[in-house]
Amino acid sequence: MRQADGTGWMGFYALTMLNIALELAKHNSVYEDIASKFFEHFLFISDAMTFHNGEQGEVSLWNDETGFYFDAVRPPLPPSSSRRASVADTTSSSS
C-alpha cells in the first residue's frame, strides 16, 4: 500500500523542521546544514508521491480528475495491478 496521507504528513513535518532550522540558522550558522537536510528530505518525500517507475498497471497517487491524492493498494499476488483507494468517512452520528 502506498499511503498518500502519511506521506503528506511526513512532507509537512520536513517543511516545518526546515522552517525551524532556518530560524535557528539566523542566529547560529551550524543549523544551515540541518536546514538543507530537511529540504532534501522534503524533496525525496514529494518525489515518492509522484514517482513512476513504468511498471505495468502502476497507479499514481495523484488523481487529475479530482485534484487530490489517494492511497494506492497493490495486491501481493498476480495480477499485480494497483488501484486507488478512496477513503470516505463511514462514521455516522447517533442522537
N, C-alpha and C. Protein backbone atom coordinates (compact mmCIF):
# COMPACT_ATOMS: atom_id res chain seq x y z
N MET A 1 0.85 -1.17 0.00
CA MET A 1 0.00 0.00 0.00
C MET A 1 0.89 1.23 0.00
N ARG A 2 0.59 2.16 -0.87
CA ARG A 2 1.27 3.45 -0.89
C ARG A 2 0.31 4.46 -0.30
N GLN A 3 0.68 5.04 0.83
CA GLN A 3 -0.24 5.90 1.56
C GLN A 3 0.05 7.38 1.31
N ALA A 4 -0.94 8.07 0.77
CA ALA A 4 -0.80 9.49 0.48
C ALA A 4 -0.87 10.33 1.74
N ASP A 5 -1.75 9.97 2.66
CA ASP A 5 -1.95 10.78 3.86
C ASP A 5 -0.71 10.78 4.75
N GLY A 6 -0.20 9.60 5.05
CA GLY A 6 1.00 9.51 5.89
C GLY A 6 2.20 10.17 5.23
N THR A 7 2.32 10.00 3.93
CA THR A 7 3.43 10.61 3.20
C THR A 7 3.29 12.12 3.20
N GLY A 8 2.06 12.60 3.05
CA GLY A 8 1.81 14.04 3.10
C GLY A 8 2.19 14.64 4.45
N TRP A 9 1.85 13.92 5.52
CA TRP A 9 2.21 14.40 6.86
C TRP A 9 3.72 14.45 7.05
N MET A 10 4.43 13.48 6.51
CA MET A 10 5.89 13.50 6.63
C MET A 10 6.48 14.66 5.83
N GLY A 11 5.88 14.98 4.69
CA GLY A 11 6.31 16.15 3.94
C GLY A 11 6.10 17.43 4.74
N PHE A 12 4.94 17.53 5.39
CA PHE A 12 4.63 18.68 6.24
C PHE A 12 5.64 18.78 7.39
N TYR A 13 5.95 17.64 7.99
CA TYR A 13 6.92 17.59 9.08
C TYR A 13 8.29 18.10 8.61
N ALA A 14 8.73 17.64 7.43
CA ALA A 14 10.03 18.06 6.91
C ALA A 14 10.05 19.57 6.66
N LEU A 15 8.95 20.12 6.12
CA LEU A 15 8.90 21.56 5.87
C LEU A 15 8.88 22.35 7.18
N THR A 16 8.17 21.83 8.18
CA THR A 16 8.13 22.50 9.48
C THR A 16 9.52 22.52 10.12
N MET A 17 10.21 21.38 10.07
CA MET A 17 11.56 21.30 10.63
C MET A 17 12.52 22.19 9.84
N LEU A 18 12.32 22.29 8.52
CA LEU A 18 13.12 23.19 7.69
C LEU A 18 12.93 24.62 8.16
N ASN A 19 11.69 25.02 8.40
CA ASN A 19 11.39 26.37 8.86
C ASN A 19 12.06 26.66 10.20
N ILE A 20 12.00 25.71 11.11
CA ILE A 20 12.63 25.88 12.43
C ILE A 20 14.14 26.00 12.28
N ALA A 21 14.73 25.13 11.45
CA ALA A 21 16.19 25.17 11.25
C ALA A 21 16.62 26.49 10.61
N LEU A 22 15.82 27.03 9.70
CA LEU A 22 16.16 28.32 9.07
C LEU A 22 16.10 29.46 10.09
N GLU A 23 15.11 29.41 10.98
CA GLU A 23 15.02 30.43 12.04
C GLU A 23 16.24 30.35 12.95
N LEU A 24 16.63 29.14 13.32
CA LEU A 24 17.80 28.96 14.18
C LEU A 24 19.09 29.37 13.46
N ALA A 25 19.13 29.14 12.15
CA ALA A 25 20.32 29.48 11.36
C ALA A 25 20.55 30.99 11.29
N LYS A 26 19.51 31.78 11.52
CA LYS A 26 19.68 33.24 11.55
C LYS A 26 20.61 33.66 12.69
N HIS A 27 20.66 32.84 13.74
CA HIS A 27 21.45 33.17 14.92
C HIS A 27 22.68 32.29 15.08
N ASN A 28 22.69 31.13 14.42
CA ASN A 28 23.82 30.21 14.53
C ASN A 28 23.93 29.43 13.22
N SER A 29 25.00 29.66 12.49
CA SER A 29 25.14 29.09 11.14
C SER A 29 25.25 27.56 11.12
N VAL A 30 25.46 26.94 12.27
CA VAL A 30 25.56 25.48 12.30
C VAL A 30 24.24 24.83 11.85
N TYR A 31 23.13 25.55 11.96
CA TYR A 31 21.82 25.00 11.59
C TYR A 31 21.55 25.05 10.08
N GLU A 32 22.43 25.69 9.30
CA GLU A 32 22.24 25.75 7.85
C GLU A 32 22.31 24.36 7.23
N ASP A 33 23.25 23.54 7.69
CA ASP A 33 23.35 22.17 7.17
C ASP A 33 22.11 21.35 7.52
N ILE A 34 21.58 21.57 8.70
CA ILE A 34 20.38 20.85 9.11
C ILE A 34 19.20 21.28 8.25
N ALA A 35 19.12 22.59 7.96
CA ALA A 35 18.04 23.09 7.11
C ALA A 35 18.11 22.46 5.72
N SER A 36 19.30 22.37 5.17
CA SER A 36 19.43 21.77 3.83
C SER A 36 19.06 20.29 3.86
N LYS A 37 19.35 19.61 4.96
CA LYS A 37 18.99 18.19 5.08
C LYS A 37 17.46 18.02 5.10
N PHE A 38 16.75 18.89 5.82
CA PHE A 38 15.29 18.81 5.85
C PHE A 38 14.69 19.15 4.48
N PHE A 39 15.34 20.06 3.74
CA PHE A 39 14.88 20.36 2.39
C PHE A 39 15.05 19.14 1.49
N GLU A 40 16.18 18.45 1.62
CA GLU A 40 16.40 17.21 0.86
C GLU A 40 15.34 16.17 1.20
N HIS A 41 15.03 16.04 2.49
CA HIS A 41 14.01 15.08 2.91
C HIS A 41 12.67 15.40 2.26
N PHE A 42 12.31 16.69 2.23
CA PHE A 42 11.06 17.09 1.61
C PHE A 42 11.05 16.73 0.12
N LEU A 43 12.17 16.99 -0.56
CA LEU A 43 12.24 16.66 -1.99
C LEU A 43 12.08 15.16 -2.22
N PHE A 44 12.72 14.34 -1.38
CA PHE A 44 12.59 12.89 -1.51
C PHE A 44 11.15 12.44 -1.28
N ILE A 45 10.50 13.03 -0.27
CA ILE A 45 9.12 12.67 0.05
C ILE A 45 8.18 13.06 -1.09
N SER A 46 8.33 14.30 -1.60
CA SER A 46 7.46 14.73 -2.69
C SER A 46 7.70 13.93 -3.96
N ASP A 47 8.95 13.54 -4.19
CA ASP A 47 9.26 12.70 -5.35
C ASP A 47 8.61 11.33 -5.21
N ALA A 48 8.58 10.80 -4.00
CA ALA A 48 7.99 9.48 -3.77
C ALA A 48 6.49 9.49 -4.08
N MET A 49 5.83 10.62 -3.86
CA MET A 49 4.39 10.69 -4.12
C MET A 49 4.08 10.80 -5.61
N THR A 50 5.03 11.26 -6.40
CA THR A 50 4.77 11.48 -7.83
C THR A 50 5.61 10.57 -8.71
N PHE A 51 6.40 9.68 -8.13
CA PHE A 51 7.32 8.82 -8.87
C PHE A 51 6.58 7.76 -9.67
N HIS A 52 7.03 7.55 -10.89
CA HIS A 52 6.51 6.47 -11.74
C HIS A 52 7.71 5.69 -12.24
N ASN A 53 7.72 4.39 -11.98
CA ASN A 53 8.84 3.59 -12.46
C ASN A 53 8.49 2.80 -13.71
N GLY A 54 7.32 3.03 -14.28
CA GLY A 54 6.94 2.41 -15.54
C GLY A 54 6.39 1.00 -15.45
N GLU A 55 6.10 0.54 -14.23
CA GLU A 55 5.53 -0.80 -14.09
C GLU A 55 4.15 -0.85 -14.74
N GLN A 56 3.83 -1.99 -15.31
CA GLN A 56 2.52 -2.18 -15.91
C GLN A 56 1.47 -2.16 -14.81
N GLY A 57 0.40 -1.42 -15.02
CA GLY A 57 -0.67 -1.34 -14.04
C GLY A 57 -0.40 -0.38 -12.89
N GLU A 58 0.71 0.35 -12.96
CA GLU A 58 1.04 1.29 -11.89
C GLU A 58 0.04 2.44 -11.85
N VAL A 59 -0.31 2.86 -10.66
CA VAL A 59 -1.27 3.94 -10.48
C VAL A 59 -0.61 5.05 -9.67
N SER A 60 -0.72 6.26 -10.16
CA SER A 60 -0.18 7.41 -9.43
C SER A 60 -1.07 7.71 -8.23
N LEU A 61 -0.48 8.29 -7.19
CA LEU A 61 -1.28 8.71 -6.04
C LEU A 61 -2.11 9.95 -6.38
N TRP A 62 -1.68 10.71 -7.38
CA TRP A 62 -2.38 11.93 -7.78
C TRP A 62 -3.48 11.60 -8.78
N ASN A 63 -4.65 12.15 -8.57
CA ASN A 63 -5.77 11.96 -9.48
C ASN A 63 -6.07 13.30 -10.14
N ASP A 64 -5.83 13.39 -11.46
CA ASP A 64 -6.07 14.64 -12.19
C ASP A 64 -7.54 15.06 -12.18
N GLU A 65 -8.43 14.08 -12.19
CA GLU A 65 -9.86 14.39 -12.24
C GLU A 65 -10.35 15.07 -10.96
N THR A 66 -9.89 14.59 -9.82
CA THR A 66 -10.36 15.15 -8.54
C THR A 66 -9.43 16.22 -8.00
N GLY A 67 -8.20 16.27 -8.50
CA GLY A 67 -7.22 17.22 -7.97
C GLY A 67 -6.82 16.88 -6.56
N PHE A 68 -6.71 15.57 -6.27
CA PHE A 68 -6.45 15.13 -4.91
C PHE A 68 -5.58 13.88 -4.93
N TYR A 69 -4.87 13.64 -3.84
CA TYR A 69 -4.07 12.43 -3.70
C TYR A 69 -4.90 11.31 -3.07
N PHE A 70 -4.67 10.08 -3.51
CA PHE A 70 -5.34 8.91 -2.96
C PHE A 70 -4.30 7.86 -2.60
N ASP A 71 -4.62 7.00 -1.65
CA ASP A 71 -3.78 5.84 -1.36
C ASP A 71 -3.85 4.89 -2.55
N ALA A 72 -2.82 4.09 -2.74
CA ALA A 72 -2.83 3.07 -3.80
C ALA A 72 -2.60 1.71 -3.17
N VAL A 73 -3.47 0.77 -3.51
CA VAL A 73 -3.39 -0.58 -2.98
C VAL A 73 -2.94 -1.50 -4.11
N ARG A 74 -1.95 -2.32 -3.80
CA ARG A 74 -1.45 -3.26 -4.79
C ARG A 74 -1.50 -4.67 -4.20
N PRO A 75 -2.27 -5.57 -4.82
CA PRO A 75 -2.36 -6.94 -4.30
C PRO A 75 -0.99 -7.62 -4.36
N PRO A 76 -0.66 -8.45 -3.38
CA PRO A 76 0.65 -9.09 -3.35
C PRO A 76 0.82 -10.17 -4.41
N LEU A 77 -0.26 -10.76 -4.88
CA LEU A 77 -0.18 -11.82 -5.87
C LEU A 77 -0.71 -11.34 -7.22
N PRO A 78 -0.27 -11.99 -8.32
CA PRO A 78 -0.80 -11.60 -9.64
C PRO A 78 -2.31 -11.74 -9.67
N PRO A 79 -3.04 -10.94 -10.40
CA PRO A 79 -2.50 -9.85 -11.19
C PRO A 79 -2.12 -8.68 -10.29
N SER A 80 -0.95 -8.14 -10.52
CA SER A 80 -0.43 -7.09 -9.65
C SER A 80 -0.77 -5.70 -10.20
N SER A 81 -2.03 -5.44 -10.33
CA SER A 81 -2.46 -4.13 -10.79
C SER A 81 -2.84 -3.29 -9.58
N SER A 82 -2.37 -2.06 -9.55
CA SER A 82 -2.66 -1.16 -8.44
C SER A 82 -4.00 -0.48 -8.67
N ARG A 83 -4.62 -0.08 -7.57
CA ARG A 83 -5.86 0.67 -7.64
C ARG A 83 -5.83 1.78 -6.61
N ARG A 84 -6.46 2.91 -6.93
CA ARG A 84 -6.57 3.99 -5.97
C ARG A 84 -7.63 3.62 -4.95
N ALA A 85 -7.38 3.99 -3.72
CA ALA A 85 -8.33 3.70 -2.64
C ALA A 85 -8.87 5.01 -2.10
N SER A 86 -10.14 5.27 -2.33
CA SER A 86 -10.78 6.46 -1.80
C SER A 86 -11.28 6.14 -0.40
N VAL A 87 -10.85 6.94 0.55
CA VAL A 87 -11.25 6.70 1.92
C VAL A 87 -12.35 7.68 2.28
N ALA A 88 -13.53 7.16 2.49
CA ALA A 88 -14.68 8.00 2.83
C ALA A 88 -14.96 7.89 4.31
N ASP A 89 -15.51 8.93 4.87
CA ASP A 89 -15.89 8.90 6.27
C ASP A 89 -17.13 8.04 6.41
N THR A 90 -16.98 6.90 7.08
CA THR A 90 -18.11 5.97 7.22
C THR A 90 -18.75 6.04 8.59
N THR A 91 -18.31 6.97 9.41
CA THR A 91 -18.90 7.07 10.74
C THR A 91 -20.25 7.78 10.63
N SER A 92 -21.15 7.35 11.41
CA SER A 92 -22.46 8.01 11.42
C SER A 92 -22.69 8.61 12.80
N SER A 93 -23.36 9.72 12.81
CA SER A 93 -23.63 10.36 14.10
C SER A 93 -24.96 9.86 14.64
N SER A 94 -24.94 9.48 15.90
CA SER A 94 -26.15 8.99 16.56
C SER A 94 -26.67 10.05 17.51
N SER A 95 -27.96 10.19 17.58
CA SER A 95 -28.54 11.16 18.51
C SER A 95 -29.00 10.49 19.75
